Every structure is written in C-alpha cells, then in structure tokens.
Amino acid sequence: MKLRNYLYAAVVLTSVTFVSCNPDSIADEDNPYQTEQKIKKKDVKIPGQNN
C-alpha cells in the first residue's frame, strides 16, 4: 500500500514539474509592447473593385 502511495506521489511530482517547466506556455507568446503598425486606407486594395 505504501508503494502505491509513493508511486502516486512520484507521478504527481513529475507531472507538476513538467507542466511548470514547460516553455510552451500561452504567456510566452504574449507581447508586452504594442508593435502593431498603422495601415493607411489608401494602401488597402480589395479584390474585385476598381480603386
């Protein structure tokens, strides 16, 4: 019975460590700075319309 508890504890510890150390996190993709550039309306071309 103790062996099973130790195995469960090891699995939980391993999974928590893997998830917390995994670099594939959504927060890593967030950009803290505004880097979007403005688009001028005259530069936008819509297909099918003559501008």
PDB file of N, CA and C in Angstrom:
ATOM      1  N   MET A   1       0.819  -1.190   0.000  1.00  0.00           N
ATOM      2  CA  MET A   1       0.000   0.000   0.000  1.00  0.00           C
ATOM      3  C   MET A   1       0.869   1.261   0.000  1.00  0.00           C
ATOM      4  N   LYS A   2       1.960   1.236   0.773  1.00  0.00           N
ATOM      5  CA  LYS A   2       2.847   2.404   0.794  1.00  0.00           C
ATOM      6  C   LYS A   2       3.518   2.603  -0.556  1.00  0.00           C
ATOM      7  N   LEU A   3       3.831   1.488  -1.231  1.00  0.00           N
ATOM      8  CA  LEU A   3       4.480   1.604  -2.541  1.00  0.00           C
ATOM      9  C   LEU A   3       3.565   2.335  -3.521  1.00  0.00           C
ATOM     10  N   ARG A   4       2.271   2.021  -3.479  1.00  0.00           N
ATOM     11  CA  ARG A   4       1.331   2.669  -4.382  1.00  0.00           C
ATOM     12  C   ARG A   4       1.260   4.174  -4.081  1.00  0.00           C
ATOM     13  N   ASN A   5       1.255   4.547  -2.820  1.00  0.00           N
ATOM     14  CA  ASN A   5       1.230   5.966  -2.455  1.00  0.00           C
ATOM     15  C   ASN A   5       2.491   6.678  -2.923  1.00  0.00           C
ATOM     16  N   TYR A   6       3.640   6.022  -2.803  1.00  0.00           N
ATOM     17  CA  TYR A   6       4.890   6.611  -3.280  1.00  0.00           C
ATOM     18  C   TYR A   6       4.871   6.777  -4.800  1.00  0.00           C
ATOM     19  N   LEU A   7       4.310   5.791  -5.493  1.00  0.00           N
ATOM     20  CA  LEU A   7       4.227   5.900  -6.951  1.00  0.00           C
ATOM     21  C   LEU A   7       3.302   7.036  -7.361  1.00  0.00           C
ATOM     22  N   TYR A   8       2.148   7.167  -6.706  1.00  0.00           N
ATOM     23  CA  TYR A   8       1.250   8.281  -6.997  1.00  0.00           C
ATOM     24  C   TYR A   8       1.927   9.618  -6.734  1.00  0.00           C
ATOM     25  N   ALA A   9       2.643   9.704  -5.626  1.00  0.00           N
ATOM     26  CA  ALA A   9       3.340  10.944  -5.292  1.00  0.00           C
ATOM     27  C   ALA A   9       4.402  11.261  -6.345  1.00  0.00           C
ATOM     28  N   ALA A  10       5.111  10.244  -6.807  1.00  0.00           N
ATOM     29  CA  ALA A  10       6.142  10.452  -7.825  1.00  0.00           C
ATOM     30  C   ALA A  10       5.525  10.913  -9.145  1.00  0.00           C
ATOM     31  N   VAL A  11       4.389  10.330  -9.506  1.00  0.00           N
ATOM     32  CA  VAL A  11       3.718  10.717 -10.754  1.00  0.00           C
ATOM     33  C   VAL A  11       3.214  12.166 -10.659  1.00  0.00           C
ATOM     34  N   VAL A  12       2.629  12.521  -9.536  1.00  0.00           N
ATOM     35  CA  VAL A  12       2.138  13.884  -9.357  1.00  0.00           C
ATOM     36  C   VAL A  12       3.292  14.876  -9.385  1.00  0.00           C
ATOM     37  N   LEU A  13       4.369  14.575  -8.689  1.00  0.00           N
ATOM     38  CA  LEU A  13       5.524  15.467  -8.666  1.00  0.00           C
ATOM     39  C   LEU A  13       6.123  15.631 -10.061  1.00  0.00           C
ATOM     40  N   THR A  14       6.226  14.529 -10.792  1.00  0.00           N
ATOM     41  CA  THR A  14       6.779  14.587 -12.147  1.00  0.00           C
ATOM     42  C   THR A  14       5.893  15.413 -13.066  1.00  0.00           C
ATOM     43  N   SER A  15       4.586  15.203 -12.993  1.00  0.00           N
ATOM     44  CA  SER A  15       3.686  15.940 -13.884  1.00  0.00           C
ATOM     45  C   SER A  15       3.664  17.428 -13.547  1.00  0.00           C
ATOM     46  N   VAL A  16       3.687  17.781 -12.281  1.00  0.00           N
ATOM     47  CA  VAL A  16       3.706  19.196 -11.901  1.00  0.00           C
ATOM     48  C   VAL A  16       5.008  19.847 -12.345  1.00  0.00           C
ATOM     49  N   THR A  17       6.101  19.151 -12.192  1.00  0.00           N
ATOM     50  CA  THR A  17       7.397  19.685 -12.613  1.00  0.00           C
ATOM     51  C   THR A  17       7.434  19.881 -14.126  1.00  0.00           C
ATOM     52  N   PHE A  18       6.910  18.910 -14.870  1.00  0.00           N
ATOM     53  CA  PHE A  18       6.921  19.018 -16.326  1.00  0.00           C
ATOM     54  C   PHE A  18       6.062  20.186 -16.791  1.00  0.00           C
ATOM     55  N   VAL A  19       4.878  20.333 -16.232  1.00  0.00           N
ATOM     56  CA  VAL A  19       3.974  21.391 -16.667  1.00  0.00           C
ATOM     57  C   VAL A  19       4.513  22.766 -16.277  1.00  0.00           C
ATOM     58  N   SER A  20       5.075  22.881 -15.094  1.00  0.00           N
ATOM     59  CA  SER A  20       5.553  24.189 -14.660  1.00  0.00           C
ATOM     60  C   SER A  20       6.840  24.596 -15.370  1.00  0.00           C
ATOM     61  N   CYS A  21       7.620  23.639 -15.844  1.00  0.00           N
ATOM     62  CA  CYS A  21       8.883  23.952 -16.529  1.00  0.00           C
ATOM     63  C   CYS A  21       8.754  23.906 -18.046  1.00  0.00           C
ATOM     64  N   ASN A  22       7.581  23.637 -18.547  1.00  0.00           N
ATOM     65  CA  ASN A  22       7.377  23.538 -19.981  1.00  0.00           C
ATOM     66  C   ASN A  22       7.377  24.947 -20.586  1.00  0.00           C
ATOM     67  N   PRO A  23       8.233  25.246 -21.575  1.00  0.00           N
ATOM     68  CA  PRO A  23       8.298  26.586 -22.152  1.00  0.00           C
ATOM     69  C   PRO A  23       7.141  26.897 -23.097  1.00  0.00           C
ATOM     70  N   ASP A  24       6.330  25.910 -23.443  1.00  0.00           N
ATOM     71  CA  ASP A  24       5.217  26.130 -24.365  1.00  0.00           C
ATOM     72  C   ASP A  24       4.011  26.657 -23.606  1.00  0.00           C
ATOM     73  N   SER A  25       4.127  27.863 -23.165  1.00  0.00           N
ATOM     74  CA  SER A  25       3.045  28.460 -22.391  1.00  0.00           C
ATOM     75  C   SER A  25       2.433  29.595 -23.185  1.00  0.00           C
ATOM     76  N   ILE A  26       1.172  29.856 -22.965  1.00  0.00           N
ATOM     77  CA  ILE A  26       0.483  30.918 -23.692  1.00  0.00           C
ATOM     78  C   ILE A  26       1.061  32.278 -23.319  1.00  0.00           C
ATOM     79  N   ALA A  27       1.479  32.436 -22.080  1.00  0.00           N
ATOM     80  CA  ALA A  27       2.013  33.727 -21.639  1.00  0.00           C
ATOM     81  C   ALA A  27       3.315  34.072 -22.355  1.00  0.00           C
ATOM     82  N   ASP A  28       4.058  33.054 -22.799  1.00  0.00           N
ATOM     83  CA  ASP A  28       5.303  33.332 -23.515  1.00  0.00           C
ATOM     84  C   ASP A  28       5.039  33.954 -24.875  1.00  0.00           C
ATOM     85  N   GLU A  29       3.848  33.705 -25.432  1.00  0.00           N
ATOM     86  CA  GLU A  29       3.525  34.237 -26.749  1.00  0.00           C
ATOM     87  C   GLU A  29       3.021  35.671 -26.681  1.00  0.00           C
ATOM     88  N   ASP A  30       2.630  36.130 -25.509  1.00  0.00           N
ATOM     89  CA  ASP A  30       2.124  37.485 -25.368  1.00  0.00           C
ATOM     90  C   ASP A  30       3.252  38.493 -25.509  1.00  0.00           C
ATOM     91  N   ASN A  31       2.968  39.552 -26.216  1.00  0.00           N
ATOM     92  CA  ASN A  31       3.954  40.602 -26.399  1.00  0.00           C
ATOM     93  C   ASN A  31       3.588  41.759 -25.473  1.00  0.00           C
ATOM     94  N   PRO A  32       4.446  42.127 -24.542  1.00  0.00           N
ATOM     95  CA  PRO A  32       4.091  43.193 -23.609  1.00  0.00           C
ATOM     96  C   PRO A  32       4.122  44.590 -24.223  1.00  0.00           C
ATOM     97  N   TYR A  33       4.653  44.719 -25.411  1.00  0.00           N
ATOM     98  CA  TYR A  33       4.759  46.026 -26.053  1.00  0.00           C
ATOM     99  C   TYR A  33       3.832  46.081 -27.256  1.00  0.00           C
ATOM    100  N   GLN A  34       3.339  47.249 -27.549  1.00  0.00           N
ATOM    101  CA  GLN A  34       2.497  47.444 -28.726  1.00  0.00           C
ATOM    102  C   GLN A  34       3.398  47.567 -29.948  1.00  0.00           C
ATOM    103  N   THR A  35       3.345  46.590 -30.831  1.00  0.00           N
ATOM    104  CA  THR A  35       4.209  46.609 -32.011  1.00  0.00           C
ATOM    105  C   THR A  35       3.412  46.681 -33.305  1.00  0.00           C
ATOM    106  N   GLU A  36       2.090  46.842 -33.186  1.00  0.00           N
ATOM    107  CA  GLU A  36       1.285  46.904 -34.400  1.00  0.00           C
ATOM    108  C   GLU A  36       1.574  48.199 -35.145  1.00  0.00           C
ATOM    109  N   GLN A  37       1.571  48.096 -36.456  1.00  0.00           N
ATOM    110  CA  GLN A  37       1.792  49.278 -37.271  1.00  0.00           C
ATOM    111  C   GLN A  37       0.468  49.698 -37.886  1.00  0.00           C
ATOM    112  N   LYS A  38       0.304  50.978 -38.100  1.00  0.00           N
ATOM    113  CA  LYS A  38      -0.918  51.505 -38.704  1.00  0.00           C
ATOM    114  C   LYS A  38      -0.914  51.229 -40.201  1.00  0.00           C
ATOM    115  N   ILE A  39      -2.091  50.941 -40.742  1.00  0.00           N
ATOM    116  CA  ILE A  39      -2.253  50.716 -42.172  1.00  0.00           C
ATOM    117  C   ILE A  39      -3.076  51.860 -42.734  1.00  0.00           C
ATOM    118  N   LYS A  40      -2.559  52.462 -43.781  1.00  0.00           N
ATOM    119  CA  LYS A  40      -3.274  53.568 -44.411  1.00  0.00           C
ATOM    120  C   LYS A  40      -4.384  53.012 -45.294  1.00  0.00           C
ATOM    121  N   LYS A  41      -5.535  53.662 -45.259  1.00  0.00           N
ATOM    122  CA  LYS A  41      -6.682  53.182 -46.026  1.00  0.00           C
ATOM    123  C   LYS A  41      -6.414  53.198 -47.531  1.00  0.00           C
ATOM    124  N   LYS A  42      -5.602  54.137 -47.981  1.00  0.00           N
ATOM    125  CA  LYS A  42      -5.349  54.215 -49.424  1.00  0.00           C
ATOM    126  C   LYS A  42      -4.467  53.061 -49.903  1.00  0.00           C
ATOM    127  N   ASP A  43      -3.750  52.404 -48.993  1.00  0.00           N
ATOM    128  CA  ASP A  43      -2.892  51.286 -49.371  1.00  0.00           C
ATOM    129  C   ASP A  43      -3.639  49.948 -49.411  1.00  0.00           C
ATOM    130  N   VAL A  44      -4.873  49.916 -48.911  1.00  0.00           N
ATOM    131  CA  VAL A  44      -5.647  48.673 -48.888  1.00  0.00           C
ATOM    132  C   VAL A  44      -6.327  48.499 -50.226  1.00  0.00           C
ATOM    133  N   LYS A  45      -6.149  47.340 -50.854  1.00  0.00           N
ATOM    134  CA  LYS A  45      -6.767  47.051 -52.136  1.00  0.00           C
ATOM    135  C   LYS A  45      -7.700  45.858 -51.939  1.00  0.00           C
ATOM    136  N   ILE A  46      -8.955  46.039 -52.372  1.00  0.00           N
ATOM    137  CA  ILE A  46      -9.954  44.982 -52.252  1.00  0.00           C
ATOM    138  C   ILE A  46     -10.089  44.321 -53.616  1.00  0.00           C
ATOM    139  N   PRO A  47      -9.919  42.986 -53.660  1.00  0.00           N
ATOM    140  CA  PRO A  47     -10.041  42.288 -54.951  1.00  0.00           C
ATOM    141  C   PRO A  47     -11.464  42.420 -55.512  1.00  0.00           C
ATOM    142  N   GLY A  48     -11.567  42.639 -56.791  1.00  0.00           N
ATOM    143  CA  GLY A  48     -12.860  42.739 -57.437  1.00  0.00           C
ATOM    144  C   GLY A  48     -13.391  44.153 -57.538  1.00  0.00           C
ATOM    145  N   GLN A  49     -12.711  45.107 -56.925  1.00  0.00           N
ATOM    146  CA  GLN A  49     -13.145  46.503 -57.005  1.00  0.00           C
ATOM    147  C   GLN A  49     -12.049  47.309 -57.695  1.00  0.00           C
ATOM    148  N   ASN A  50     -12.471  48.250 -58.500  1.00  0.00           N
ATOM    149  CA  ASN A  50     -11.503  49.135 -59.159  1.00  0.00           C
ATOM    150  C   ASN A  50     -11.265  50.343 -58.254  1.00  0.00           C
ATOM    151  N   ASN A  51     -10.063  50.485 -57.773  1.00  0.00           N
ATOM    152  CA  ASN A  51      -9.722  51.623 -56.905  1.00  0.00           C
ATOM    153  C   ASN A  51      -9.008  52.675 -57.683  1.00  0.00           C
TER     154      ASN A  51
END
